[in-house]
């Protein structure tokens, strides 16, 4: 399926608006410390593989990343005004419980246009340790010909805030560590189930190593 036969590919302009909003909110409410942002390729398709332990992890990356990001976000979040807002800032709605061809087409369209796709490869919010990866990340990396940049968000779950328990304490430090980009495939261009399984295994090793390094760097 091509992106043109699915929903329209979100514009980078919308994602840039989202990035600017994220800058104001994240730096206004917390104290992000960003390490390694210079590692993100300045142009061309890129996939951010982000660990996911807290709801603010996505907005945090969106606000501190050097390029506007289109995140794949569960469709349950696209309700009412929030849904319209997320669509307006270039985010992608995905049904996690089926083969969402519209979302797949949009995501591949973002990469074909040389944009940045944000993915939580663990699928759902959890320990944020990359212990369980879904095959979707490997598929998009191999099919879209995009390098993966591992991103570790640390500190968002250290302790609950006093005013709003569901958020980290206001003005607390949250570390965002970008790693070196790497290719998921083996260079053959194969997209068989076996090739994607092997790519997923390579990706998991890279992401786990990056997370361990990020924890050493930040002391988290």
Protein backbone atom coordinates (compact mmCIF):
# COMPACT_ATOMS: atom_id res chain seq x y z
CA UNK A 1 0.00 0.00 0.00
CA UNK A 2 1.31 3.46 -0.81
CA UNK A 3 0.95 6.47 1.43
CA UNK A 4 -1.16 8.19 -1.23
CA UNK A 5 -3.88 5.53 -0.99
CA UNK A 6 -4.07 5.88 2.79
CA UNK A 7 -4.60 8.94 4.95
CA UNK A 8 -2.56 11.98 3.89
CA UNK A 9 0.98 12.23 5.18
CA UNK A 10 1.15 14.83 7.98
CA UNK A 11 3.12 17.95 7.19
CA UNK A 12 6.47 18.78 8.74
CA UNK A 13 5.10 22.29 9.31
CA UNK A 14 2.55 20.91 11.76
CA UNK A 15 5.20 18.86 13.53
CA UNK A 16 7.39 21.97 13.81
CA UNK A 17 4.50 23.78 15.51
CA UNK A 18 4.29 20.84 17.92
CA UNK A 19 8.03 21.02 18.54
CA UNK A 20 7.82 24.71 19.43
CA UNK A 21 4.91 24.11 21.79
CA UNK A 22 6.88 21.26 23.34
CA UNK A 23 9.92 23.50 23.84
CA UNK A 24 7.85 25.98 25.82
CA UNK A 25 6.06 23.39 27.94
CA UNK A 26 8.95 21.06 28.68
CA UNK A 27 11.47 23.78 29.52
CA UNK A 28 8.79 25.75 31.35
CA UNK A 29 7.60 22.91 33.59
CA UNK A 30 10.77 20.83 34.03
CA UNK A 31 14.53 21.07 33.57
CA UNK A 32 15.48 18.91 30.61
CA UNK A 33 19.14 17.98 30.20
CA UNK A 34 19.78 16.95 26.62
CA UNK A 35 22.83 14.91 25.69
CA UNK A 36 23.94 13.81 22.22
CA UNK A 37 21.40 15.75 20.14
CA UNK A 38 24.23 16.48 17.69
CA UNK A 39 24.18 12.78 16.77
CA UNK A 40 20.81 13.13 15.01
CA UNK A 41 21.33 13.35 11.22
CA UNK A 42 20.48 16.88 10.09
CA UNK A 43 18.60 15.74 7.00
CA UNK A 44 16.97 12.64 5.58
CA UNK A 45 14.69 10.03 7.12
CA UNK A 46 15.32 9.12 10.76
CA UNK A 47 13.53 6.99 13.32
CA UNK A 48 13.71 7.85 17.01
CA UNK A 49 13.37 4.68 19.12
CA UNK A 50 12.27 5.98 22.52
CA UNK A 51 11.92 4.06 25.78
CA UNK A 52 8.51 4.59 27.32
CA UNK A 53 8.05 4.70 31.08
CA UNK A 54 5.88 7.84 31.47
CA UNK A 55 3.28 9.79 29.52
CA UNK A 56 5.56 12.83 29.26
CA UNK A 57 8.32 10.89 27.48
CA UNK A 58 6.89 11.57 23.99
CA UNK A 59 6.19 15.28 24.53
CA UNK A 60 9.62 15.64 26.16
CA UNK A 61 11.41 14.20 23.13
CA UNK A 62 9.22 16.26 20.82
CA UNK A 63 10.23 19.42 22.67
CA UNK A 64 13.98 18.83 23.01
CA UNK A 65 14.78 17.02 19.73
CA UNK A 66 16.64 19.03 17.09
CA UNK A 67 14.11 18.13 14.35
CA UNK A 68 10.30 18.07 14.30
CA UNK A 69 8.95 14.60 15.07
CA UNK A 70 5.91 12.61 13.95
CA UNK A 71 5.12 10.10 16.71
CA UNK A 72 3.02 6.99 16.27
CA UNK A 73 0.48 7.36 19.09
CA UNK A 74 -2.25 4.93 20.17
CA UNK A 75 -5.64 5.84 18.72
CA UNK A 76 -7.18 5.94 22.20
CA UNK A 77 -5.43 9.28 22.76
CA UNK A 78 -7.17 10.86 19.76
CA UNK A 79 -10.37 11.86 21.52
CA UNK A 80 -12.18 15.19 21.17
CA UNK A 81 -10.08 18.38 21.18
CA UNK A 82 -6.89 16.48 22.07
CA UNK A 83 -7.31 14.29 19.00
CA UNK A 84 -7.70 17.31 16.73
CA UNK A 85 -4.68 18.94 18.36
CA UNK A 86 -2.48 15.86 17.90
CA UNK A 87 -3.50 15.58 14.26
CA UNK A 88 -2.83 19.30 13.78
CA UNK A 89 0.74 18.98 15.06
CA UNK A 90 1.52 16.10 12.73
CA UNK A 91 1.16 13.10 15.02
CA UNK A 92 0.02 9.72 13.70
CA UNK A 93 -2.93 7.75 15.06
CA UNK A 94 -2.34 3.99 15.16
CA UNK A 95 -4.52 1.05 16.12
CA UNK A 96 -2.22 -1.19 18.16
CA UNK A 97 -4.59 -4.15 17.98
CA UNK A 98 -4.72 -4.64 14.21
CA UNK A 99 -2.67 -4.13 11.05
CA UNK A 100 -3.36 -0.42 10.68
CA UNK A 101 -2.63 0.10 6.98
CA UNK A 102 -3.49 3.81 7.11
CA UNK A 103 -0.96 4.44 9.88
CA UNK A 104 1.65 2.28 8.13
CA UNK A 105 1.19 4.28 4.93
CA UNK A 106 1.45 7.59 6.78
CA UNK A 107 4.57 6.51 8.68
CA UNK A 108 6.30 5.31 5.51
CA UNK A 109 5.23 8.57 3.85
CA UNK A 110 6.94 10.57 6.60
CA UNK A 111 10.17 8.65 5.98
CA UNK A 112 9.83 8.92 2.18
CA UNK A 113 9.57 12.69 2.61
CA UNK A 114 12.81 12.69 4.62
CA UNK A 115 11.09 13.29 7.96
CA UNK A 116 11.53 12.01 11.50
CA UNK A 117 9.32 9.21 12.80
CA UNK A 118 9.07 8.65 16.55
CA UNK A 119 8.32 5.14 17.81
CA UNK A 120 7.95 3.57 21.25
CA UNK A 121 9.22 0.10 20.26
CA UNK A 122 7.96 -1.49 23.47
CA UNK A 123 4.43 -0.82 22.24
CA UNK A 124 3.00 0.32 25.55
CA UNK A 125 4.19 2.23 28.59
CA UNK A 126 6.12 -0.06 30.92
CA UNK A 127 9.49 -0.26 32.61
CA UNK A 128 11.09 1.73 29.81
CA UNK A 129 13.99 -0.71 29.55
CA UNK A 130 13.53 -1.94 25.94
CA UNK A 131 13.10 -5.49 27.30
CA UNK A 132 10.23 -6.34 24.96
CA UNK A 133 10.31 -5.01 21.40
CA UNK A 134 7.67 -5.29 18.71
CA UNK A 135 8.64 -5.97 15.10
CA UNK A 136 7.14 -2.70 13.83
CA UNK A 137 10.33 -0.73 14.43
CA UNK A 138 12.39 -3.14 12.32
CA UNK A 139 9.78 -3.05 9.55
CA UNK A 140 9.78 0.74 9.30
CA UNK A 141 13.57 0.96 9.50
CA UNK A 142 14.17 -1.64 6.77
CA UNK A 143 11.25 -0.70 4.52
CA UNK A 144 11.79 3.06 4.95
CA UNK A 145 15.58 2.89 4.61
CA UNK A 146 15.96 4.99 7.73
CA UNK A 147 18.67 4.87 10.40
CA UNK A 148 17.50 4.41 13.98
CA UNK A 149 18.55 6.89 16.67
CA UNK A 150 18.09 5.39 20.15
CA UNK A 151 16.66 7.85 22.68
CA UNK A 152 16.65 7.28 26.44
CA UNK A 153 14.39 9.40 28.65
CA UNK A 154 15.46 9.12 32.29
CA UNK A 155 14.05 10.70 35.41
CA UNK A 156 10.39 11.00 34.41
CA UNK A 157 9.39 8.23 36.85
CA UNK A 158 11.78 8.92 39.74
CA UNK A 159 9.04 10.25 41.99
CA UNK A 160 5.52 11.71 41.66
CA UNK A 161 4.88 15.44 41.81
CA UNK A 162 3.37 17.02 44.89
CA UNK A 163 0.72 19.01 43.02
CA UNK A 164 -0.08 16.51 40.27
CA UNK A 165 0.79 12.93 41.22
CA UNK A 166 0.62 11.74 37.60
CA UNK A 167 3.48 14.06 36.57
CA UNK A 168 7.12 14.36 37.65
CA UNK A 169 7.72 17.14 40.19
CA UNK A 170 7.70 20.57 38.58
CA UNK A 171 11.19 21.91 37.79
CA UNK A 172 12.74 18.48 38.37
CA UNK A 173 15.46 17.31 35.99
CA UNK A 174 14.65 14.94 33.16
CA UNK A 175 17.52 13.59 31.05
CA UNK A 176 17.13 12.87 27.34
CA UNK A 177 20.08 11.04 25.78
CA UNK A 178 20.38 10.57 22.00
CA UNK A 179 22.59 7.76 20.75
CA UNK A 180 24.51 7.09 17.56
CA UNK A 181 22.35 6.30 14.51
CA UNK A 182 22.54 2.74 13.23
CA UNK A 183 21.07 0.62 10.44
CA UNK A 184 18.67 -2.14 11.46
CA UNK A 185 19.01 -4.30 8.36
CA UNK A 186 21.88 -6.49 7.26
CA UNK A 187 22.42 -4.55 4.05
CA UNK A 188 20.59 -7.09 1.87
CA UNK A 189 17.32 -5.17 1.74
CA UNK A 190 15.42 -8.36 2.62
CA UNK A 191 12.03 -7.88 4.31
CA UNK A 192 11.19 -11.52 5.06
CA UNK A 193 9.90 -12.50 8.50
CA UNK A 194 13.30 -14.04 9.28
CA UNK A 195 15.13 -10.87 8.20
CA UNK A 196 12.85 -8.69 10.34
CA UNK A 197 13.24 -11.01 13.33
CA UNK A 198 17.02 -10.77 12.98
CA UNK A 199 16.77 -6.97 12.64
CA UNK A 200 14.62 -6.79 15.78
CA UNK A 201 17.25 -8.75 17.67
CA UNK A 202 20.00 -6.38 16.48
CA UNK A 203 17.88 -3.38 17.40
CA UNK A 204 17.21 -4.69 20.91
CA UNK A 205 20.92 -5.16 21.57
CA UNK A 206 21.69 -1.63 20.36
CA UNK A 207 18.86 -0.02 22.36
CA UNK A 208 19.70 -1.92 25.54
CA UNK A 209 23.38 -0.94 25.23
CA UNK A 210 22.40 2.69 24.68
CA UNK A 211 20.14 2.70 27.74
CA UNK A 212 22.93 1.26 29.90
CA UNK A 213 25.34 3.89 28.59
CA UNK A 214 22.79 6.67 29.17
CA UNK A 215 22.36 5.57 32.77
CA UNK A 216 26.11 5.65 33.30
CA UNK A 217 26.37 9.11 31.74
CA UNK A 218 23.54 10.58 33.80
CA UNK A 219 24.01 8.63 37.04
CA UNK A 220 20.37 7.51 36.88
